[in-house]
């Protein structure tokens, strides 16, 4: 059975709780991070799932917690390793986008650096201690505290292969990553060949692919709230991927998607949510439409600081040349009109009125 050394011995047919100190000189004073391993009674793949790379993306964090409480180790094949929160400093301080220790966005510095700053050492530890020991990797996200979005999943495209990488091997990983992205079951699958923002490093899924690990980044929920439908969507997506990896199977007494969903519906933690709809997740899991494939991700920024007035919402289609909002000053005068540069769908949208100069407004996905 494949092991993850930092977790110690994993016992078949058991769920184990671990409190992990990530290696790294600047991480030495960190509180331990909770990690849960669900080791199946039968051999199979190792799937690593984390959330909380951004500490304010709460539905993703809750989805990992739910999985830790609903997966039955006696009925699955392989091992699922779950980390609810990577960036604990951001989670504790409710800080969006960046880690408050160094004001760096951790999802722009993967695969990290063991001799770098806090976020670089944190992401390096995640890759080195967890991701490279897995057969597949899922990084769960959502709209951050000031963002709304439509659910989508990102993976690396074959066009993203660097000249220094073995092309055939990376193409194989990219193809497997796309397969996992399609299996996740969200409305949009975004395959990208390069980072959407200039940065020192890359995102988690791209760094994992470069290490030979099929990986996806899935997003649902946002606006700093615990949205039950988003929690269900992300939890169901991981279960769907487990099915595609043959970790869940109706035959041979193994765990099934239906069994997991049924336990989730009966879990007492779900009864606390007023907007939970019993059976909705299972129905959607068995009748998911074919995702729309997007191959370009365009981010729009304002030139001016001021008040942001969008006239579109996350999930809306936009046309090239369409006015999709304005930015005004505090006298109420229009400073600039925001015009869509292309045809596409709004995948995420800043919903807070206050925006900074060169502030991010939205991301548009293009078929």
Foldseek 3Di string as FASTA:
>chain_A
DQDQPQQPDDDQQDKDKDFGQFDAPVSVPPGTFIKIKQHANAAFFEEEEEEALWQLQPLSLVLLVLCSVQDGRDFWHHMYMYGSHLLVQCNVVVNGQARVVVRHRLQQQPPADRPDDDSRVSNVSCCVRPLLSGQAYEYEGAAGQQKHFAKEKEAEALLQDDPPADSVLLNVLRVVLVVLRQQLQGQEYEYENDAQDDGNHHGDRVNSSSSSHRYMYIYHDYNSDNDPVRSLSRNLSVLSSSVVSVRADPPPSHHHSVSSLVVSLVDPVVVVDPPDDRPPSVVCSVPRDGHDYFYDKHWDWAQAWAFKAFPDAHFDWDAAQDFGTFGDHPVRHTPDTDGDRHTFGWGMARNGGTAHRRGIGTMGTHD
